[in-house]
Amino acid sequence: MRGGGKALFLVPSRLAYGPTGNYYTIPGFTPLLFNVELVRVKQGPGKK
């Protein structure tokens, strides 16, 4: 993904909070949906 790119990430409940959820905010067995925008990419040392 390049800077300015956008993506949706769907995380199934088994990889997120599972059957227990997160107390009162996220019920158990809830998939999570993340809408992500990559603002910029910073290259590390030694990269060209």
PDB file of N, CA and C in Angstrom:
ATOM      1  N   MET A   1       0.856  -1.170   0.000  1.00  0.00           N
ATOM      2  CA  MET A   1       0.000   0.000   0.000  1.00  0.00           C
ATOM      3  C   MET A   1       0.898   1.228   0.000  1.00  0.00           C
ATOM      4  N   ARG A   2       0.540   2.207  -0.780  1.00  0.00           N
ATOM      5  CA  ARG A   2       1.316   3.438  -0.885  1.00  0.00           C
ATOM      6  C   ARG A   2       0.698   4.529  -0.020  1.00  0.00           C
ATOM      7  N   GLY A   3       1.489   5.582   0.218  1.00  0.00           N
ATOM      8  CA  GLY A   3       0.975   6.726   0.956  1.00  0.00           C
ATOM      9  C   GLY A   3      -0.289   7.256   0.302  1.00  0.00           C
ATOM     10  N   GLY A   4      -1.297   7.567   1.084  1.00  0.00           N
ATOM     11  CA  GLY A   4      -2.580   8.024   0.570  1.00  0.00           C
ATOM     12  C   GLY A   4      -3.540   6.883   0.273  1.00  0.00           C
ATOM     13  N   GLY A   5      -3.041   5.651   0.346  1.00  0.00           N
ATOM     14  CA  GLY A   5      -3.886   4.488   0.087  1.00  0.00           C
ATOM     15  C   GLY A   5      -4.882   4.251   1.209  1.00  0.00           C
ATOM     16  N   LYS A   6      -5.989   3.644   0.860  1.00  0.00           N
ATOM     17  CA  LYS A   6      -7.033   3.330   1.842  1.00  0.00           C
ATOM     18  C   LYS A   6      -7.365   1.852   1.750  1.00  0.00           C
ATOM     19  N   ALA A   7      -7.727   1.268   2.890  1.00  0.00           N
ATOM     20  CA  ALA A   7      -8.077  -0.153   2.924  1.00  0.00           C
ATOM     21  C   ALA A   7      -9.053  -0.419   4.057  1.00  0.00           C
ATOM     22  N   LEU A   8      -9.867  -1.444   3.877  1.00  0.00           N
ATOM     23  CA  LEU A   8     -10.745  -1.943   4.933  1.00  0.00           C
ATOM     24  C   LEU A   8     -10.184  -3.279   5.408  1.00  0.00           C
ATOM     25  N   PHE A   9     -10.066  -3.439   6.704  1.00  0.00           N
ATOM     26  CA  PHE A   9      -9.587  -4.688   7.283  1.00  0.00           C
ATOM     27  C   PHE A   9     -10.701  -5.285   8.126  1.00  0.00           C
ATOM     28  N   LEU A  10     -11.076  -6.504   7.812  1.00  0.00           N
ATOM     29  CA  LEU A  10     -12.084  -7.225   8.579  1.00  0.00           C
ATOM     30  C   LEU A  10     -11.374  -8.288   9.405  1.00  0.00           C
ATOM     31  N   VAL A  11     -11.462  -8.146  10.727  1.00  0.00           N
ATOM     32  CA  VAL A  11     -10.816  -9.088  11.645  1.00  0.00           C
ATOM     33  C   VAL A  11     -11.902  -9.973  12.244  1.00  0.00           C
ATOM     34  N   PRO A  12     -11.874 -11.274  11.968  1.00  0.00           N
ATOM     35  CA  PRO A  12     -12.890 -12.158  12.534  1.00  0.00           C
ATOM     36  C   PRO A  12     -12.780 -12.218  14.058  1.00  0.00           C
ATOM     37  N   SER A  13     -13.887 -12.511  14.699  1.00  0.00           N
ATOM     38  CA  SER A  13     -13.928 -12.489  16.168  1.00  0.00           C
ATOM     39  C   SER A  13     -12.893 -13.408  16.797  1.00  0.00           C
ATOM     40  N   ARG A  14     -12.592 -14.537  16.157  1.00  0.00           N
ATOM     41  CA  ARG A  14     -11.622 -15.470  16.749  1.00  0.00           C
ATOM     42  C   ARG A  14     -10.216 -14.881  16.801  1.00  0.00           C
ATOM     43  N   LEU A  15      -9.928 -13.856  15.963  1.00  0.00           N
ATOM     44  CA  LEU A  15      -8.631 -13.185  15.991  1.00  0.00           C
ATOM     45  C   LEU A  15      -8.695 -11.858  16.748  1.00  0.00           C
ATOM     46  N   ALA A  16      -9.885 -11.498  17.205  1.00  0.00           N
ATOM     47  CA  ALA A  16     -10.065 -10.242  17.931  1.00  0.00           C
ATOM     48  C   ALA A  16     -10.330 -10.549  19.410  1.00  0.00           C
ATOM     49  N   TYR A  17     -11.553 -10.315  19.881  1.00  0.00           N
ATOM     50  CA  TYR A  17     -11.875 -10.511  21.295  1.00  0.00           C
ATOM     51  C   TYR A  17     -12.493 -11.865  21.605  1.00  0.00           C
ATOM     52  N   GLY A  18     -12.785 -12.655  20.569  1.00  0.00           N
ATOM     53  CA  GLY A  18     -13.281 -14.011  20.780  1.00  0.00           C
ATOM     54  C   GLY A  18     -14.650 -14.068  21.416  1.00  0.00           C
ATOM     55  N   PRO A  19     -14.938 -15.164  22.125  1.00  0.00           N
ATOM     56  CA  PRO A  19     -16.269 -15.368  22.695  1.00  0.00           C
ATOM     57  C   PRO A  19     -16.563 -14.480  23.902  1.00  0.00           C
ATOM     58  N   THR A  20     -15.529 -13.949  24.551  1.00  0.00           N
ATOM     59  CA  THR A  20     -15.764 -13.158  25.762  1.00  0.00           C
ATOM     60  C   THR A  20     -16.019 -11.687  25.482  1.00  0.00           C
ATOM     61  N   GLY A  21     -15.555 -11.172  24.355  1.00  0.00           N
ATOM     62  CA  GLY A  21     -15.735  -9.753  24.058  1.00  0.00           C
ATOM     63  C   GLY A  21     -14.852  -8.893  24.943  1.00  0.00           C
ATOM     64  N   ASN A  22     -15.241  -7.625  25.069  1.00  0.00           N
ATOM     65  CA  ASN A  22     -14.495  -6.665  25.876  1.00  0.00           C
ATOM     66  C   ASN A  22     -15.469  -5.975  26.836  1.00  0.00           C
ATOM     67  N   TYR A  23     -15.835  -6.672  27.867  1.00  0.00           N
ATOM     68  CA  TYR A  23     -16.766  -6.188  28.884  1.00  0.00           C
ATOM     69  C   TYR A  23     -18.055  -5.682  28.260  1.00  0.00           C
ATOM     70  N   TYR A  24     -18.394  -4.413  28.469  1.00  0.00           N
ATOM     71  CA  TYR A  24     -19.676  -3.877  28.016  1.00  0.00           C
ATOM     72  C   TYR A  24     -19.591  -3.183  26.660  1.00  0.00           C
ATOM     73  N   THR A  25     -18.393  -3.020  26.106  1.00  0.00           N
ATOM     74  CA  THR A  25     -18.262  -2.245  24.870  1.00  0.00           C
ATOM     75  C   THR A  25     -18.338  -3.087  23.604  1.00  0.00           C
ATOM     76  N   ILE A  26     -17.776  -4.293  23.608  1.00  0.00           N
ATOM     77  CA  ILE A  26     -17.777  -5.159  22.426  1.00  0.00           C
ATOM     78  C   ILE A  26     -18.302  -6.529  22.834  1.00  0.00           C
ATOM     79  N   PRO A  27     -19.455  -6.923  22.309  1.00  0.00           N
ATOM     80  CA  PRO A  27     -19.996  -8.240  22.651  1.00  0.00           C
ATOM     81  C   PRO A  27     -19.110  -9.370  22.127  1.00  0.00           C
ATOM     82  N   GLY A  28     -19.238 -10.530  22.729  1.00  0.00           N
ATOM     83  CA  GLY A  28     -18.507 -11.698  22.257  1.00  0.00           C
ATOM     84  C   GLY A  28     -18.887 -12.055  20.830  1.00  0.00           C
ATOM     85  N   PHE A  29     -17.971 -12.711  20.138  1.00  0.00           N
ATOM     86  CA  PHE A  29     -18.167 -13.159  18.753  1.00  0.00           C
ATOM     87  C   PHE A  29     -18.427 -12.004  17.783  1.00  0.00           C
ATOM     88  N   THR A  30     -17.870 -10.818  18.066  1.00  0.00           N
ATOM     89  CA  THR A  30     -18.051  -9.666  17.193  1.00  0.00           C
ATOM     90  C   THR A  30     -16.839  -9.484  16.289  1.00  0.00           C
ATOM     91  N   PRO A  31     -17.038  -9.493  14.960  1.00  0.00           N
ATOM     92  CA  PRO A  31     -15.924  -9.182  14.067  1.00  0.00           C
ATOM     93  C   PRO A  31     -15.634  -7.678  14.131  1.00  0.00           C
ATOM     94  N   LEU A  32     -14.390  -7.297  13.888  1.00  0.00           N
ATOM     95  CA  LEU A  32     -14.002  -5.888  13.918  1.00  0.00           C
ATOM     96  C   LEU A  32     -13.707  -5.420  12.501  1.00  0.00           C
ATOM     97  N   LEU A  33     -14.133  -4.202  12.181  1.00  0.00           N
ATOM     98  CA  LEU A  33     -13.901  -3.618  10.872  1.00  0.00           C
ATOM     99  C   LEU A  33     -13.102  -2.336  11.056  1.00  0.00           C
ATOM    100  N   PHE A  34     -11.925  -2.272  10.420  1.00  0.00           N
ATOM    101  CA  PHE A  34     -11.056  -1.100  10.513  1.00  0.00           C
ATOM    102  C   PHE A  34     -10.975  -0.432   9.146  1.00  0.00           C
ATOM    103  N   ASN A  35     -11.227   0.861   9.112  1.00  0.00           N
ATOM    104  CA  ASN A  35     -11.082   1.670   7.909  1.00  0.00           C
ATOM    105  C   ASN A  35      -9.775   2.439   8.076  1.00  0.00           C
ATOM    106  N   VAL A  36      -8.759   2.107   7.267  1.00  0.00           N
ATOM    107  CA  VAL A  36      -7.407   2.626   7.465  1.00  0.00           C
ATOM    108  C   VAL A  36      -6.978   3.458   6.260  1.00  0.00           C
ATOM    109  N   GLU A  37      -6.372   4.610   6.544  1.00  0.00           N
ATOM    110  CA  GLU A  37      -5.752   5.422   5.497  1.00  0.00           C
ATOM    111  C   GLU A  37      -4.285   5.592   5.845  1.00  0.00           C
ATOM    112  N   LEU A  38      -3.409   5.188   4.932  1.00  0.00           N
ATOM    113  CA  LEU A  38      -1.970   5.315   5.137  1.00  0.00           C
ATOM    114  C   LEU A  38      -1.565   6.717   4.706  1.00  0.00           C
ATOM    115  N   VAL A  39      -1.172   7.534   5.662  1.00  0.00           N
ATOM    116  CA  VAL A  39      -0.864   8.932   5.386  1.00  0.00           C
ATOM    117  C   VAL A  39       0.448   9.062   4.625  1.00  0.00           C
ATOM    118  N   ARG A  40       1.495   8.414   5.123  1.00  0.00           N
ATOM    119  CA  ARG A  40       2.786   8.465   4.439  1.00  0.00           C
ATOM    120  C   ARG A  40       3.608   7.257   4.837  1.00  0.00           C
ATOM    121  N   VAL A  41       4.641   6.999   4.060  1.00  0.00           N
ATOM    122  CA  VAL A  41       5.544   5.886   4.330  1.00  0.00           C
ATOM    123  C   VAL A  41       6.919   6.466   4.601  1.00  0.00           C
ATOM    124  N   LYS A  42       7.476   6.118   5.735  1.00  0.00           N
ATOM    125  CA  LYS A  42       8.815   6.581   6.090  1.00  0.00           C
ATOM    126  C   LYS A  42       9.765   5.413   5.898  1.00  0.00           C
ATOM    127  N   GLN A  43      10.784   5.603   5.084  1.00  0.00           N
ATOM    128  CA  GLN A  43      11.736   4.535   4.831  1.00  0.00           C
ATOM    129  C   GLN A  43      12.774   4.483   5.936  1.00  0.00           C
ATOM    130  N   GLY A  44      13.123   3.274   6.320  1.00  0.00           N
ATOM    131  CA  GLY A  44      14.121   3.070   7.357  1.00  0.00           C
ATOM    132  C   GLY A  44      15.529   3.211   6.805  1.00  0.00           C
ATOM    133  N   PRO A  45      16.532   3.147   7.686  1.00  0.00           N
ATOM    134  CA  PRO A  45      17.921   3.255   7.243  1.00  0.00           C
ATOM    135  C   PRO A  45      18.293   2.093   6.323  1.00  0.00           C
ATOM    136  N   GLY A  46      19.078   2.394   5.310  1.00  0.00           N
ATOM    137  CA  GLY A  46      19.537   1.360   4.400  1.00  0.00           C
ATOM    138  C   GLY A  46      18.572   1.033   3.283  1.00  0.00           C
ATOM    139  N   LYS A  47      17.413   1.635   3.276  1.00  0.00           N
ATOM    140  CA  LYS A  47      16.433   1.397   2.212  1.00  0.00           C
ATOM    141  C   LYS A  47      16.590   2.459   1.131  1.00  0.00           C
ATOM    142  N   LYS A  48      16.404   2.042  -0.127  1.00  0.00           N
ATOM    143  CA  LYS A  48      16.472   3.004  -1.230  1.00  0.00           C
ATOM    144  C   LYS A  48      15.178   3.000  -1.996  1.00  0.00           C
TER     145      LYS A  48
END
